[in-house]
Amino acid sequence: MNPDILMVTGVLFGILALPSLLSAYADSRFPGMALFLFLLCAVLSGTAYWLKPGGYALHDIPFAIFRVIGFFRM
């Protein structure tokens, strides 16, 4: 699988985990779904970093997002 797709998917899961974490904190309950999403984010992002020669830097992630959008647009 393309490492850019894995990285973008991992970033999206990380972003989706934030509202779940805030909701669990506001309701004083265990953030199970947020932890699962953060774990999924870490696994996907780590796999993408491992698969791409040279890895990813922080400034490479927006370019990866645009490459994935361009890949699915065609």
N, C-alpha and C. Protein backbone atom coordinates (compact mmCIF):
# COMPACT_ATOMS: atom_id res chain seq x y z
N MET A 1 0.85 -1.17 0.00
CA MET A 1 0.00 0.00 0.00
C MET A 1 0.90 1.24 0.00
N ASN A 2 0.41 2.28 -0.56
CA ASN A 2 1.12 3.54 -0.66
C ASN A 2 1.32 4.14 0.74
N PRO A 3 2.56 4.48 1.13
CA PRO A 3 2.76 5.05 2.47
C PRO A 3 2.04 6.38 2.68
N ASP A 4 1.83 7.15 1.61
CA ASP A 4 1.10 8.41 1.75
C ASP A 4 -0.34 8.16 2.19
N ILE A 5 -0.97 7.14 1.64
CA ILE A 5 -2.34 6.81 2.01
C ILE A 5 -2.40 6.39 3.48
N LEU A 6 -1.42 5.60 3.90
CA LEU A 6 -1.38 5.17 5.30
C LEU A 6 -1.19 6.37 6.23
N MET A 7 -0.30 7.27 5.85
CA MET A 7 -0.05 8.44 6.70
C MET A 7 -1.28 9.34 6.79
N VAL A 8 -1.93 9.59 5.67
CA VAL A 8 -3.11 10.45 5.68
C VAL A 8 -4.25 9.80 6.47
N THR A 9 -4.42 8.51 6.33
CA THR A 9 -5.45 7.80 7.09
C THR A 9 -5.15 7.86 8.58
N GLY A 10 -3.89 7.68 8.93
CA GLY A 10 -3.50 7.79 10.34
C GLY A 10 -3.74 9.17 10.90
N VAL A 11 -3.41 10.19 10.14
CA VAL A 11 -3.65 11.57 10.59
C VAL A 11 -5.15 11.82 10.77
N LEU A 12 -5.96 11.32 9.83
CA LEU A 12 -7.41 11.50 9.94
C LEU A 12 -7.97 10.81 11.19
N PHE A 13 -7.48 9.60 11.47
CA PHE A 13 -7.94 8.92 12.69
C PHE A 13 -7.51 9.68 13.94
N GLY A 14 -6.33 10.28 13.90
CA GLY A 14 -5.89 11.09 15.03
C GLY A 14 -6.76 12.32 15.23
N ILE A 15 -7.14 12.95 14.14
CA ILE A 15 -8.02 14.11 14.23
C ILE A 15 -9.41 13.70 14.73
N LEU A 16 -9.90 12.55 14.28
CA LEU A 16 -11.21 12.09 14.74
C LEU A 16 -11.21 11.66 16.20
N ALA A 17 -10.05 11.33 16.73
CA ALA A 17 -9.98 10.92 18.13
C ALA A 17 -10.16 12.09 19.08
N LEU A 18 -9.82 13.29 18.65
CA LEU A 18 -9.89 14.45 19.55
C LEU A 18 -11.31 14.75 20.05
N PRO A 19 -12.34 14.80 19.18
CA PRO A 19 -13.70 15.04 19.72
C PRO A 19 -14.17 13.93 20.66
N SER A 20 -13.77 12.70 20.36
CA SER A 20 -14.14 11.59 21.23
C SER A 20 -13.47 11.73 22.60
N LEU A 21 -12.22 12.16 22.60
CA LEU A 21 -11.51 12.37 23.86
C LEU A 21 -12.14 13.49 24.67
N LEU A 22 -12.48 14.59 24.01
CA LEU A 22 -13.12 15.71 24.72
C LEU A 22 -14.50 15.33 25.25
N SER A 23 -15.24 14.56 24.48
CA SER A 23 -16.57 14.13 24.91
C SER A 23 -16.47 13.21 26.13
N ALA A 24 -15.53 12.30 26.11
CA ALA A 24 -15.36 11.40 27.25
C ALA A 24 -14.92 12.19 28.49
N TYR A 25 -14.05 13.16 28.29
CA TYR A 25 -13.61 13.99 29.42
C TYR A 25 -14.77 14.80 29.99
N ALA A 26 -15.61 15.35 29.12
CA ALA A 26 -16.74 16.16 29.58
C ALA A 26 -17.77 15.33 30.33
N ASP A 27 -17.93 14.06 29.93
CA ASP A 27 -18.91 13.20 30.58
C ASP A 27 -18.31 12.37 31.71
N SER A 28 -17.04 12.56 32.02
CA SER A 28 -16.33 11.82 33.08
C SER A 28 -16.42 10.32 32.88
N ARG A 29 -16.14 9.88 31.66
CA ARG A 29 -16.14 8.45 31.39
C ARG A 29 -14.83 8.06 30.72
N PHE A 30 -14.60 6.76 30.63
CA PHE A 30 -13.35 6.25 30.08
C PHE A 30 -13.30 6.49 28.56
N PRO A 31 -12.21 7.06 28.05
CA PRO A 31 -12.13 7.38 26.61
C PRO A 31 -11.67 6.18 25.78
N GLY A 32 -12.46 5.13 25.76
CA GLY A 32 -12.09 3.91 25.05
C GLY A 32 -11.97 4.09 23.55
N MET A 33 -12.94 4.74 22.94
CA MET A 33 -12.89 4.94 21.49
C MET A 33 -11.75 5.87 21.10
N ALA A 34 -11.51 6.90 21.91
CA ALA A 34 -10.41 7.81 21.63
C ALA A 34 -9.07 7.08 21.70
N LEU A 35 -8.90 6.22 22.69
CA LEU A 35 -7.66 5.46 22.80
C LEU A 35 -7.49 4.51 21.62
N PHE A 36 -8.58 3.87 21.20
CA PHE A 36 -8.51 2.99 20.04
C PHE A 36 -8.12 3.77 18.78
N LEU A 37 -8.72 4.94 18.58
CA LEU A 37 -8.39 5.74 17.41
C LEU A 37 -6.96 6.26 17.45
N PHE A 38 -6.47 6.65 18.63
CA PHE A 38 -5.09 7.09 18.75
C PHE A 38 -4.13 5.93 18.49
N LEU A 39 -4.48 4.73 18.95
CA LEU A 39 -3.65 3.56 18.69
C LEU A 39 -3.62 3.26 17.20
N LEU A 40 -4.77 3.33 16.55
CA LEU A 40 -4.84 3.12 15.11
C LEU A 40 -4.04 4.18 14.36
N CYS A 41 -4.11 5.42 14.83
CA CYS A 41 -3.32 6.51 14.26
C CYS A 41 -1.83 6.22 14.37
N ALA A 42 -1.39 5.78 15.53
CA ALA A 42 0.03 5.49 15.74
C ALA A 42 0.51 4.33 14.89
N VAL A 43 -0.30 3.29 14.77
CA VAL A 43 0.08 2.12 13.97
C VAL A 43 0.17 2.49 12.48
N LEU A 44 -0.83 3.18 11.97
CA LEU A 44 -0.82 3.55 10.55
C LEU A 44 0.29 4.54 10.23
N SER A 45 0.48 5.53 11.08
CA SER A 45 1.53 6.52 10.84
C SER A 45 2.92 5.89 10.99
N GLY A 46 3.07 5.02 11.95
CA GLY A 46 4.35 4.33 12.12
C GLY A 46 4.67 3.42 10.96
N THR A 47 3.67 2.72 10.45
CA THR A 47 3.87 1.87 9.29
C THR A 47 4.23 2.69 8.07
N ALA A 48 3.57 3.82 7.89
CA ALA A 48 3.89 4.69 6.75
C ALA A 48 5.31 5.22 6.87
N TYR A 49 5.71 5.60 8.08
CA TYR A 49 7.07 6.11 8.29
C TYR A 49 8.10 5.02 7.99
N TRP A 50 7.77 3.79 8.36
CA TRP A 50 8.68 2.67 8.15
C TRP A 50 8.77 2.28 6.67
N LEU A 51 7.66 2.38 5.94
CA LEU A 51 7.63 1.97 4.54
C LEU A 51 8.27 2.99 3.60
N LYS A 52 8.21 4.28 3.93
CA LYS A 52 8.75 5.30 3.05
C LYS A 52 10.25 5.45 3.26
N PRO A 53 11.03 5.33 2.21
CA PRO A 53 12.48 5.53 2.36
C PRO A 53 12.79 6.95 2.84
N GLY A 54 13.52 7.08 3.92
CA GLY A 54 13.82 8.38 4.48
C GLY A 54 12.78 8.87 5.46
N GLY A 55 11.64 8.21 5.54
CA GLY A 55 10.59 8.57 6.49
C GLY A 55 9.88 9.87 6.13
N TYR A 56 9.14 10.37 7.08
CA TYR A 56 8.37 11.61 6.94
C TYR A 56 8.89 12.64 7.92
N ALA A 57 8.95 13.87 7.49
CA ALA A 57 9.16 14.99 8.40
C ALA A 57 7.80 15.68 8.57
N LEU A 58 7.72 16.55 9.54
CA LEU A 58 6.44 17.21 9.81
C LEU A 58 5.97 18.04 8.62
N HIS A 59 6.89 18.64 7.91
CA HIS A 59 6.49 19.47 6.76
C HIS A 59 6.15 18.63 5.53
N ASP A 60 6.35 17.32 5.56
CA ASP A 60 5.99 16.44 4.45
C ASP A 60 4.52 16.02 4.48
N ILE A 61 3.88 16.13 5.62
CA ILE A 61 2.51 15.63 5.76
C ILE A 61 1.50 16.40 4.91
N PRO A 62 1.55 17.75 4.83
CA PRO A 62 0.60 18.42 3.93
C PRO A 62 0.78 18.02 2.46
N PHE A 63 2.02 17.80 2.04
CA PHE A 63 2.26 17.36 0.67
C PHE A 63 1.71 15.96 0.44
N ALA A 64 1.80 15.10 1.46
CA ALA A 64 1.24 13.76 1.36
C ALA A 64 -0.28 13.83 1.23
N ILE A 65 -0.91 14.75 1.96
CA ILE A 65 -2.35 14.91 1.87
C ILE A 65 -2.76 15.33 0.47
N PHE A 66 -2.02 16.28 -0.12
CA PHE A 66 -2.34 16.71 -1.48
C PHE A 66 -2.09 15.61 -2.50
N ARG A 67 -1.05 14.80 -2.29
CA ARG A 67 -0.80 13.68 -3.21
C ARG A 67 -1.92 12.65 -3.15
N VAL A 68 -2.44 12.39 -1.96
CA VAL A 68 -3.54 11.43 -1.81
C VAL A 68 -4.82 11.99 -2.44
N ILE A 69 -5.09 13.27 -2.24
CA ILE A 69 -6.26 13.89 -2.87
C ILE A 69 -6.12 13.80 -4.39
N GLY A 70 -4.95 14.09 -4.92
CA GLY A 70 -4.71 13.99 -6.36
C GLY A 70 -4.82 12.57 -6.87
N PHE A 71 -4.39 11.60 -6.04
CA PHE A 71 -4.47 10.20 -6.44
C PHE A 71 -5.92 9.75 -6.59
N PHE A 72 -6.78 10.15 -5.65
CA PHE A 72 -8.18 9.73 -5.70
C PHE A 72 -9.03 10.59 -6.61
N ARG A 73 -8.52 11.75 -6.99
CA ARG A 73 -9.29 12.62 -7.88
C ARG A 73 -9.31 12.07 -9.29
N MET A 74 -8.26 11.38 -9.68
CA MET A 74 -8.16 10.90 -11.07
C MET A 74 -8.96 9.67 -11.28
